[in-house]
Amino acid sequence: MMKTALVLCFADPAVMGGRIDPLASNHRAHVFYQSLGFKPVGRRIFTDESDCLVHHLSRRHWHALFASE
């Protein structure tokens, strides 16, 4: 489902990338998102004091990984 959501997001040529922010302690989420091409870019503590590991996926990286599918 996440791959389908990303296909829909990147169908819009104005979308240059996406960011997600799973909790830093959620290692299974990190593995999952990184398998889709997301790269960790840093930690962030949000207003509710949740410690997150922010990941980014660029349009270029997405297409390099999945353009042939």
Protein backbone atom coordinates (compact mmCIF):
# COMPACT_ATOMS: atom_id res chain seq x y z
CA MET A 1 0.00 0.00 0.00
CA MET A 2 2.82 2.40 0.79
CA LYS A 3 4.38 1.84 -2.63
CA THR A 4 1.03 2.63 -4.25
CA ALA A 5 0.74 5.80 -2.18
CA LEU A 6 4.21 6.86 -3.33
CA VAL A 7 3.34 6.13 -6.97
CA LEU A 8 0.34 8.43 -6.60
CA CYS A 9 2.41 11.13 -4.89
CA PHE A 10 5.14 11.10 -7.53
CA ALA A 11 2.59 11.07 -10.36
CA ASP A 12 2.34 14.80 -9.71
CA PRO A 13 5.43 16.36 -11.35
CA ALA A 14 5.42 19.14 -8.75
CA VAL A 15 6.26 16.62 -5.99
CA MET A 16 10.04 16.60 -5.55
CA GLY A 17 10.17 14.34 -2.51
CA GLY A 18 8.55 13.17 0.66
CA ARG A 19 9.36 13.01 4.36
CA ILE A 20 8.21 10.74 7.12
CA ASP A 21 8.99 10.82 10.81
CA PRO A 22 8.61 7.48 12.61
CA LEU A 23 9.58 7.33 16.26
CA ALA A 24 13.34 6.90 16.71
CA SER A 25 12.65 3.77 18.76
CA ASN A 26 10.60 2.12 15.98
CA HIS A 27 13.35 0.18 14.24
CA ARG A 28 10.93 -1.95 12.21
CA ALA A 29 9.49 1.22 10.66
CA HIS A 30 13.00 2.44 9.77
CA VAL A 31 13.78 -0.84 7.99
CA PHE A 32 10.45 -0.72 6.14
CA TYR A 33 10.79 2.89 4.94
CA GLN A 34 14.43 2.44 4.01
CA SER A 35 13.42 -0.59 1.88
CA LEU A 36 11.28 1.86 -0.11
CA GLY A 37 14.23 4.21 -0.65
CA PHE A 38 13.79 6.64 2.22
CA LYS A 39 17.06 7.83 3.78
CA PRO A 40 17.44 8.99 7.39
CA VAL A 41 18.21 12.71 7.54
CA GLY A 42 18.20 13.40 11.27
CA ARG A 43 16.40 13.24 14.55
CA ARG A 44 13.72 15.68 15.62
CA ILE A 45 11.74 16.12 18.80
CA PHE A 46 8.29 17.45 18.09
CA THR A 47 6.10 19.56 20.37
CA ASP A 48 4.64 16.52 22.11
CA GLU A 49 8.24 15.49 22.93
CA SER A 50 8.16 12.49 20.60
CA ASP A 51 11.69 11.64 19.46
CA CYS A 52 11.53 10.89 15.73
CA LEU A 53 14.00 9.84 13.06
CA VAL A 54 13.09 11.87 9.97
CA HIS A 55 13.51 10.14 6.59
CA HIS A 56 13.45 11.71 3.12
CA LEU A 57 12.77 10.22 -0.31
CA SER A 58 13.66 12.30 -3.36
CA ARG A 59 11.89 11.96 -6.69
CA ARG A 60 15.22 11.10 -8.35
CA HIS A 61 15.97 8.31 -5.88
CA TRP A 62 12.41 6.92 -6.14
CA HIS A 63 12.63 6.75 -9.94
CA ALA A 64 16.10 5.20 -9.86
CA LEU A 65 14.81 2.42 -7.63
CA PHE A 66 11.36 1.74 -9.07
CA ALA A 67 11.10 3.20 -12.58
CA SER A 68 11.42 -0.20 -14.22
CA GLU A 69 8.50 -1.73 -12.28
